[in-house]
Amino acid sequence: MEIKCGTLTTCFPDRNFFFIRDDESGQDIFTHVSGFSGKVALPKGTRVYFRIVPNSRKANAPMAIDVRLIPAPGSSEVAR
């Protein structure tokens, strides 16, 4: 599975879901809190890596999994 890059565009942490704008396609991709690897409380505008799989609840809709923070340049935080 290809690793993609994108930006969190819509965040509903109280409802456990988020949307990521895929850099390549410009499409907003759904992800559930269970799709995150590591830190989950990420604000809108955060850059992330992710993989896309079919969404088992919604036909023909992709879902992001393995969502990880893209560390800011010079940051000591490591993507997990």
PDB file of N, CA and C in Angstrom:
ATOM      1  N   MET A   1       0.836  -1.189   0.000  1.00  0.00           N
ATOM      2  CA  MET A   1       0.000   0.000   0.000  1.00  0.00           C
ATOM      3  C   MET A   1       0.879   1.250   0.000  1.00  0.00           C
ATOM      4  N   GLU A   2       0.526   2.159  -0.824  1.00  0.00           N
ATOM      5  CA  GLU A   2       1.282   3.397  -0.976  1.00  0.00           C
ATOM      6  C   GLU A   2       1.056   4.333   0.219  1.00  0.00           C
ATOM      7  N   ILE A   3       2.139   4.947   0.677  1.00  0.00           N
ATOM      8  CA  ILE A   3       2.039   5.952   1.738  1.00  0.00           C
ATOM      9  C   ILE A   3       1.789   7.296   1.071  1.00  0.00           C
ATOM     10  N   LYS A   4       0.777   8.004   1.561  1.00  0.00           N
ATOM     11  CA  LYS A   4       0.398   9.306   1.005  1.00  0.00           C
ATOM     12  C   LYS A   4       0.654  10.395   2.031  1.00  0.00           C
ATOM     13  N   CYS A   5       0.605  11.631   1.589  1.00  0.00           N
ATOM     14  CA  CYS A   5       0.754  12.794   2.463  1.00  0.00           C
ATOM     15  C   CYS A   5      -0.493  13.662   2.313  1.00  0.00           C
ATOM     16  N   GLY A   6      -0.853  14.327   3.412  1.00  0.00           N
ATOM     17  CA  GLY A   6      -2.002  15.208   3.356  1.00  0.00           C
ATOM     18  C   GLY A   6      -2.085  16.096   4.581  1.00  0.00           C
ATOM     19  N   THR A   7      -3.201  16.814   4.691  1.00  0.00           N
ATOM     20  CA  THR A   7      -3.421  17.771   5.771  1.00  0.00           C
ATOM     21  C   THR A   7      -4.781  17.511   6.398  1.00  0.00           C
ATOM     22  N   LEU A   8      -4.828  17.498   7.734  1.00  0.00           N
ATOM     23  CA  LEU A   8      -6.116  17.372   8.418  1.00  0.00           C
ATOM     24  C   LEU A   8      -6.921  18.632   8.120  1.00  0.00           C
ATOM     25  N   THR A   9      -8.095  18.463   7.513  1.00  0.00           N
ATOM     26  CA  THR A   9      -8.909  19.614   7.136  1.00  0.00           C
ATOM     27  C   THR A   9     -10.128  19.788   8.022  1.00  0.00           C
ATOM     28  N   THR A  10     -10.666  18.700   8.519  1.00  0.00           N
ATOM     29  CA  THR A  10     -11.854  18.741   9.364  1.00  0.00           C
ATOM     30  C   THR A  10     -11.641  17.777  10.514  1.00  0.00           C
ATOM     31  N   CYS A  11     -11.844  18.259  11.731  1.00  0.00           N
ATOM     32  CA  CYS A  11     -11.595  17.439  12.916  1.00  0.00           C
ATOM     33  C   CYS A  11     -12.823  17.409  13.813  1.00  0.00           C
ATOM     34  N   PHE A  12     -13.234  16.221  14.175  1.00  0.00           N
ATOM     35  CA  PHE A  12     -14.332  16.011  15.112  1.00  0.00           C
ATOM     36  C   PHE A  12     -13.847  15.050  16.196  1.00  0.00           C
ATOM     37  N   PRO A  13     -12.869  15.465  17.026  1.00  0.00           N
ATOM     38  CA  PRO A  13     -12.306  14.539  18.023  1.00  0.00           C
ATOM     39  C   PRO A  13     -13.345  14.039  19.023  1.00  0.00           C
ATOM     40  N   ASP A  14     -14.368  14.843  19.299  1.00  0.00           N
ATOM     41  CA  ASP A  14     -15.417  14.406  20.217  1.00  0.00           C
ATOM     42  C   ASP A  14     -16.287  13.305  19.607  1.00  0.00           C
ATOM     43  N   ARG A  15     -16.276  13.199  18.274  1.00  0.00           N
ATOM     44  CA  ARG A  15     -17.042  12.163  17.569  1.00  0.00           C
ATOM     45  C   ARG A  15     -16.127  11.094  16.973  1.00  0.00           C
ATOM     46  N   ASN A  16     -14.821  11.225  17.235  1.00  0.00           N
ATOM     47  CA  ASN A  16     -13.809  10.239  16.842  1.00  0.00           C
ATOM     48  C   ASN A  16     -13.573  10.098  15.340  1.00  0.00           C
ATOM     49  N   PHE A  17     -13.826  11.167  14.559  1.00  0.00           N
ATOM     50  CA  PHE A  17     -13.460  11.074  13.157  1.00  0.00           C
ATOM     51  C   PHE A  17     -12.893  12.392  12.631  1.00  0.00           C
ATOM     52  N   PHE A  18     -12.173  12.249  11.505  1.00  0.00           N
ATOM     53  CA  PHE A  18     -11.421  13.342  10.916  1.00  0.00           C
ATOM     54  C   PHE A  18     -11.466  13.193   9.397  1.00  0.00           C
ATOM     55  N   PHE A  19     -11.104  14.255   8.676  1.00  0.00           N
ATOM     56  CA  PHE A  19     -10.923  14.186   7.233  1.00  0.00           C
ATOM     57  C   PHE A  19      -9.538  14.716   6.902  1.00  0.00           C
ATOM     58  N   ILE A  20      -8.895  14.045   5.964  1.00  0.00           N
ATOM     59  CA  ILE A  20      -7.548  14.396   5.514  1.00  0.00           C
ATOM     60  C   ILE A  20      -7.627  14.761   4.037  1.00  0.00           C
ATOM     61  N   ARG A  21      -7.097  15.919   3.651  1.00  0.00           N
ATOM     62  CA  ARG A  21      -7.035  16.301   2.240  1.00  0.00           C
ATOM     63  C   ARG A  21      -5.768  15.687   1.660  1.00  0.00           C
ATOM     64  N   ASP A  22      -5.950  14.767   0.722  1.00  0.00           N
ATOM     65  CA  ASP A  22      -4.853  14.084   0.047  1.00  0.00           C
ATOM     66  C   ASP A  22      -4.132  15.080  -0.857  1.00  0.00           C
ATOM     67  N   ASP A  23      -2.813  15.242  -0.655  1.00  0.00           N
ATOM     68  CA  ASP A  23      -2.024  16.178  -1.469  1.00  0.00           C
ATOM     69  C   ASP A  23      -2.116  15.866  -2.953  1.00  0.00           C
ATOM     70  N   GLU A  24      -2.114  14.590  -3.286  1.00  0.00           N
ATOM     71  CA  GLU A  24      -2.063  14.175  -4.682  1.00  0.00           C
ATOM     72  C   GLU A  24      -3.391  14.383  -5.410  1.00  0.00           C
ATOM     73  N   SER A  25      -4.493  13.933  -4.811  1.00  0.00           N
ATOM     74  CA  SER A  25      -5.793  13.982  -5.498  1.00  0.00           C
ATOM     75  C   SER A  25      -6.637  15.194  -5.119  1.00  0.00           C
ATOM     76  N   GLY A  26      -6.347  15.819  -3.976  1.00  0.00           N
ATOM     77  CA  GLY A  26      -7.163  16.917  -3.492  1.00  0.00           C
ATOM     78  C   GLY A  26      -8.457  16.454  -2.833  1.00  0.00           C
ATOM     79  N   GLN A  27      -8.659  15.146  -2.778  1.00  0.00           N
ATOM     80  CA  GLN A  27      -9.864  14.563  -2.203  1.00  0.00           C
ATOM     81  C   GLN A  27      -9.780  14.547  -0.674  1.00  0.00           C
ATOM     82  N   ASP A  28     -10.914  14.772  -0.002  1.00  0.00           N
ATOM     83  CA  ASP A  28     -10.974  14.634   1.454  1.00  0.00           C
ATOM     84  C   ASP A  28     -11.261  13.183   1.788  1.00  0.00           C
ATOM     85  N   ILE A  29     -10.383  12.583   2.593  1.00  0.00           N
ATOM     86  CA  ILE A  29     -10.457  11.171   2.944  1.00  0.00           C
ATOM     87  C   ILE A  29     -10.872  11.039   4.409  1.00  0.00           C
ATOM     88  N   PHE A  30     -11.887  10.244   4.667  1.00  0.00           N
ATOM     89  CA  PHE A  30     -12.373   9.985   6.024  1.00  0.00           C
ATOM     90  C   PHE A  30     -11.363   9.136   6.789  1.00  0.00           C
ATOM     91  N   THR A  31     -11.225   9.381   8.085  1.00  0.00           N
ATOM     92  CA  THR A  31     -10.504   8.474   8.967  1.00  0.00           C
ATOM     93  C   THR A  31     -11.148   8.509  10.346  1.00  0.00           C
ATOM     94  N   HIS A  32     -11.144   7.354  10.969  1.00  0.00           N
ATOM     95  CA  HIS A  32     -11.654   7.199  12.336  1.00  0.00           C
ATOM     96  C   HIS A  32     -10.457   7.267  13.269  1.00  0.00           C
ATOM     97  N   VAL A  33     -10.697   7.605  14.524  1.00  0.00           N
ATOM     98  CA  VAL A  33      -9.621   7.694  15.511  1.00  0.00           C
ATOM     99  C   VAL A  33      -8.822   6.386  15.578  1.00  0.00           C
ATOM    100  N   SER A  34      -9.462   5.257  15.299  1.00  0.00           N
ATOM    101  CA  SER A  34      -8.761   3.967  15.316  1.00  0.00           C
ATOM    102  C   SER A  34      -7.740   3.854  14.186  1.00  0.00           C
ATOM    103  N   GLY A  35      -7.806   4.738  13.183  1.00  0.00           N
ATOM    104  CA  GLY A  35      -6.858   4.726  12.078  1.00  0.00           C
ATOM    105  C   GLY A  35      -5.554   5.436  12.372  1.00  0.00           C
ATOM    106  N   PHE A  36      -5.454   6.082  13.540  1.00  0.00           N
ATOM    107  CA  PHE A  36      -4.240   6.809  13.901  1.00  0.00           C
ATOM    108  C   PHE A  36      -3.215   5.896  14.551  1.00  0.00           C
ATOM    109  N   SER A  37      -1.963   6.139  14.238  1.00  0.00           N
ATOM    110  CA  SER A  37      -0.839   5.470  14.889  1.00  0.00           C
ATOM    111  C   SER A  37      -0.205   6.497  15.815  1.00  0.00           C
ATOM    112  N   GLY A  38      -0.318   6.291  17.096  1.00  0.00           N
ATOM    113  CA  GLY A  38       0.277   7.242  18.037  1.00  0.00           C
ATOM    114  C   GLY A  38      -0.681   8.349  18.420  1.00  0.00           C
ATOM    115  N   LYS A  39      -0.167   9.571  18.462  1.00  0.00           N
ATOM    116  CA  LYS A  39      -0.905  10.750  18.934  1.00  0.00           C
ATOM    117  C   LYS A  39      -2.171  11.000  18.120  1.00  0.00           C
ATOM    118  N   VAL A  40      -3.307  11.176  18.804  1.00  0.00           N
ATOM    119  CA  VAL A  40      -4.578  11.359  18.115  1.00  0.00           C
ATOM    120  C   VAL A  40      -5.066  12.800  18.168  1.00  0.00           C
ATOM    121  N   ALA A  41      -4.793  13.518  19.225  1.00  0.00           N
ATOM    122  CA  ALA A  41      -5.309  14.887  19.389  1.00  0.00           C
ATOM    123  C   ALA A  41      -4.512  15.858  18.522  1.00  0.00           C
ATOM    124  N   LEU A  42      -4.718  15.766  17.214  1.00  0.00           N
ATOM    125  CA  LEU A  42      -4.009  16.627  16.270  1.00  0.00           C
ATOM    126  C   LEU A  42      -4.966  17.693  15.759  1.00  0.00           C
ATOM    127  N   PRO A  43      -4.533  18.941  15.710  1.00  0.00           N
ATOM    128  CA  PRO A  43      -5.416  20.022  15.260  1.00  0.00           C
ATOM    129  C   PRO A  43      -5.518  20.106  13.734  1.00  0.00           C
ATOM    130  N   LYS A  44      -6.550  20.810  13.288  1.00  0.00           N
ATOM    131  CA  LYS A  44      -6.739  21.106  11.869  1.00  0.00           C
ATOM    132  C   LYS A  44      -5.470  21.761  11.332  1.00  0.00           C
ATOM    133  N   GLY A  45      -5.085  21.387  10.125  1.00  0.00           N
ATOM    134  CA  GLY A  45      -3.881  21.944   9.519  1.00  0.00           C
ATOM    135  C   GLY A  45      -2.639  21.104   9.734  1.00  0.00           C
ATOM    136  N   THR A  46      -2.735  20.068  10.561  1.00  0.00           N
ATOM    137  CA  THR A  46      -1.596  19.184  10.820  1.00  0.00           C
ATOM    138  C   THR A  46      -1.294  18.354   9.581  1.00  0.00           C
ATOM    139  N   ARG A  47      -0.014  18.256   9.231  1.00  0.00           N
ATOM    140  CA  ARG A  47       0.433  17.445   8.099  1.00  0.00           C
ATOM    141  C   ARG A  47       0.619  16.015   8.570  1.00  0.00           C
ATOM    142  N   VAL A  48       0.111  15.047   7.775  1.00  0.00           N
ATOM    143  CA  VAL A  48       0.166  13.640   8.150  1.00  0.00           C
ATOM    144  C   VAL A  48       0.521  12.747   6.968  1.00  0.00           C
ATOM    145  N   TYR A  49       1.075  11.574   7.309  1.00  0.00           N
ATOM    146  CA  TYR A  49       1.236  10.465   6.369  1.00  0.00           C
ATOM    147  C   TYR A  49       0.044   9.551   6.600  1.00  0.00           C
ATOM    148  N   PHE A  50      -0.378   8.803   5.566  1.00  0.00           N
ATOM    149  CA  PHE A  50      -1.467   7.849   5.735  1.00  0.00           C
ATOM    150  C   PHE A  50      -1.497   6.866   4.568  1.00  0.00           C
ATOM    151  N   ARG A  51      -2.271   5.811   4.729  1.00  0.00           N
ATOM    152  CA  ARG A  51      -2.519   4.834   3.676  1.00  0.00           C
ATOM    153  C   ARG A  51      -4.028   4.816   3.426  1.00  0.00           C
ATOM    154  N   ILE A  52      -4.424   4.457   2.215  1.00  0.00           N
ATOM    155  CA  ILE A  52      -5.843   4.415   1.875  1.00  0.00           C
ATOM    156  C   ILE A  52      -6.292   2.968   1.672  1.00  0.00           C
ATOM    157  N   VAL A  53      -7.458   2.650   2.275  1.00  0.00           N
ATOM    158  CA  VAL A  53      -8.101   1.345   2.104  1.00  0.00           C
ATOM    159  C   VAL A  53      -9.584   1.595   1.813  1.00  0.00           C
ATOM    160  N   PRO A  54     -10.294   0.585   1.294  1.00  0.00           N
ATOM    161  CA  PRO A  54     -11.742   0.745   1.101  1.00  0.00           C
ATOM    162  C   PRO A  54     -12.436   0.896   2.460  1.00  0.00           C
ATOM    163  N   ASN A  55     -13.468   1.705   2.498  1.00  0.00           N
ATOM    164  CA  ASN A  55     -14.247   1.916   3.715  1.00  0.00           C
ATOM    165  C   ASN A  55     -15.306   0.816   3.795  1.00  0.00           C
ATOM    166  N   SER A  56     -15.237  -0.018   4.821  1.00  0.00           N
ATOM    167  CA  SER A  56     -16.165  -1.146   4.941  1.00  0.00           C
ATOM    168  C   SER A  56     -17.599  -0.709   5.232  1.00  0.00           C
ATOM    169  N   ARG A  57     -17.779   0.523   5.705  1.00  0.00           N
ATOM    170  CA  ARG A  57     -19.129   1.011   6.026  1.00  0.00           C
ATOM    171  C   ARG A  57     -19.775   1.788   4.894  1.00  0.00           C
ATOM    172  N   LYS A  58     -18.967   2.241   3.942  1.00  0.00           N
ATOM    173  CA  LYS A  58     -19.505   3.075   2.866  1.00  0.00           C
ATOM    174  C   LYS A  58     -18.868   2.645   1.543  1.00  0.00           C
ATOM    175  N   ALA A  59     -19.648   2.021   0.695  1.00  0.00           N
ATOM    176  CA  ALA A  59     -19.141   1.533  -0.591  1.00  0.00           C
ATOM    177  C   ALA A  59     -18.583   2.681  -1.430  1.00  0.00           C
ATOM    178  N   ASN A  60     -17.535   2.398  -2.155  1.00  0.00           N
ATOM    179  CA  ASN A  60     -16.886   3.355  -3.058  1.00  0.00           C
ATOM    180  C   ASN A  60     -16.302   4.578  -2.357  1.00  0.00           C
ATOM    181  N   ALA A  61     -16.089   4.490  -1.053  1.00  0.00           N
ATOM    182  CA  ALA A  61     -15.494   5.616  -0.323  1.00  0.00           C
ATOM    183  C   ALA A  61     -14.188   5.142   0.318  1.00  0.00           C
ATOM    184  N   PRO A  62     -13.098   5.842   0.065  1.00  0.00           N
ATOM    185  CA  PRO A  62     -11.834   5.448   0.689  1.00  0.00           C
ATOM    186  C   PRO A  62     -11.795   5.842   2.162  1.00  0.00           C
ATOM    187  N   MET A  63     -10.896   5.201   2.887  1.00  0.00           N
ATOM    188  CA  MET A  63     -10.699   5.494   4.308  1.00  0.00           C
ATOM    189  C   MET A  63      -9.198   5.498   4.583  1.00  0.00           C
ATOM    190  N   ALA A  64      -8.743   6.433   5.401  1.00  0.00           N
ATOM    191  CA  ALA A  64      -7.321   6.511   5.743  1.00  0.00           C
ATOM    192  C   ALA A  64      -7.041   5.672   6.985  1.00  0.00           C
ATOM    193  N   ILE A  65      -5.910   4.965   6.946  1.00  0.00           N
ATOM    194  CA  ILE A  65      -5.427   4.203   8.105  1.00  0.00           C
ATOM    195  C   ILE A  65      -3.946   4.518   8.286  1.00  0.00           C
ATOM    196  N   ASP A  66      -3.377   4.039   9.376  1.00  0.00           N
ATOM    197  CA  ASP A  66      -1.948   4.259   9.673  1.00  0.00           C
ATOM    198  C   ASP A  66      -1.592   5.738   9.591  1.00  0.00           C
ATOM    199  N   VAL A  67      -2.471   6.596  10.121  1.00  0.00           N
ATOM    200  CA  VAL A  67      -2.271   8.046  10.079  1.00  0.00           C
ATOM    201  C   VAL A  67      -1.186   8.419  11.088  1.00  0.00           C
ATOM    202  N   ARG A  68      -0.143   9.103  10.597  1.00  0.00           N
ATOM    203  CA  ARG A  68       0.987   9.508  11.443  1.00  0.00           C
ATOM    204  C   ARG A  68       1.351  10.957  11.172  1.00  0.00           C
ATOM    205  N   LEU A  69       1.767  11.614  12.196  1.00  0.00           N
ATOM    206  CA  LEU A  69       2.217  13.001  12.120  1.00  0.00           C
ATOM    207  C   LEU A  69       3.456  13.117  11.238  1.00  0.00           C
ATOM    208  N   ILE A  70       3.489  14.135  10.369  1.00  0.00           N
ATOM    209  CA  ILE A  70       4.714  14.491   9.642  1.00  0.00           C
ATOM    210  C   ILE A  70       5.403  15.527  10.516  1.00  0.00           C
ATOM    211  N   PRO A  71       6.546  15.186  11.088  1.00  0.00           N
ATOM    212  CA  PRO A  71       7.227  16.155  11.970  1.00  0.00           C
ATOM    213  C   PRO A  71       7.613  17.432  11.229  1.00  0.00           C
ATOM    214  N   ALA A  72       7.469  18.540  11.903  1.00  0.00           N
ATOM    215  CA  ALA A  72       7.895  19.831  11.347  1.00  0.00           C
ATOM    216  C   ALA A  72       9.406  19.828  11.206  1.00  0.00           C
ATOM    217  N   PRO A  73       9.954  20.515  10.201  1.00  0.00           N
ATOM    218  CA  PRO A  73      11.409  20.595  10.055  1.00  0.00           C
ATOM    219  C   PRO A  73      12.044  21.111  11.338  1.00  0.00           C
ATOM    220  N   GLY A  74      13.078  20.442  11.792  1.00  0.00           N
ATOM    221  CA  GLY A  74      13.777  20.848  13.001  1.00  0.00           C
ATOM    222  C   GLY A  74      13.127  20.338  14.279  1.00  0.00           C
ATOM    223  N   SER A  75      11.992  19.623  14.147  1.00  0.00           N
ATOM    224  CA  SER A  75      11.292  19.083  15.307  1.00  0.00           C
ATOM    225  C   SER A  75      12.010  17.858  15.826  1.00  0.00           C
ATOM    226  N   SER A  76      11.930  17.644  17.131  1.00  0.00           N
ATOM    227  CA  SER A  76      12.526  16.439  17.715  1.00  0.00           C
ATOM    228  C   SER A  76      11.529  15.289  17.741  1.00  0.00           C
ATOM    229  N   GLU A  77      10.264  15.560  17.333  1.00  0.00           N
ATOM    230  CA  GLU A  77       9.231  14.520  17.319  1.00  0.00           C
ATOM    231  C   GLU A  77       9.461  13.605  16.131  1.00  0.00           C
ATOM    232  N   VAL A  78       9.312  12.313  16.373  1.00  0.00           N
ATOM    233  CA  VAL A  78       9.556  11.300  15.341  1.00  0.00           C
ATOM    234  C   VAL A  78       8.225  10.729  14.890  1.00  0.00           C
ATOM    235  N   ALA A  79       8.025  10.565  13.567  1.00  0.00           N
ATOM    236  CA  ALA A  79       6.803   9.911  13.048  1.00  0.00           C
ATOM    237  C   ALA A  79       6.860   8.446  13.393  1.00  0.00           C
ATOM    238  N   ARG A  80       5.786   7.915  13.952  1.00  0.00           N
ATOM    239  CA  ARG A  80       5.768   6.505  14.350  1.00  0.00           C
ATOM    240  C   ARG A  80       4.921   5.704  13.409  1.00  0.00           C
TER     241      ARG A  80
END
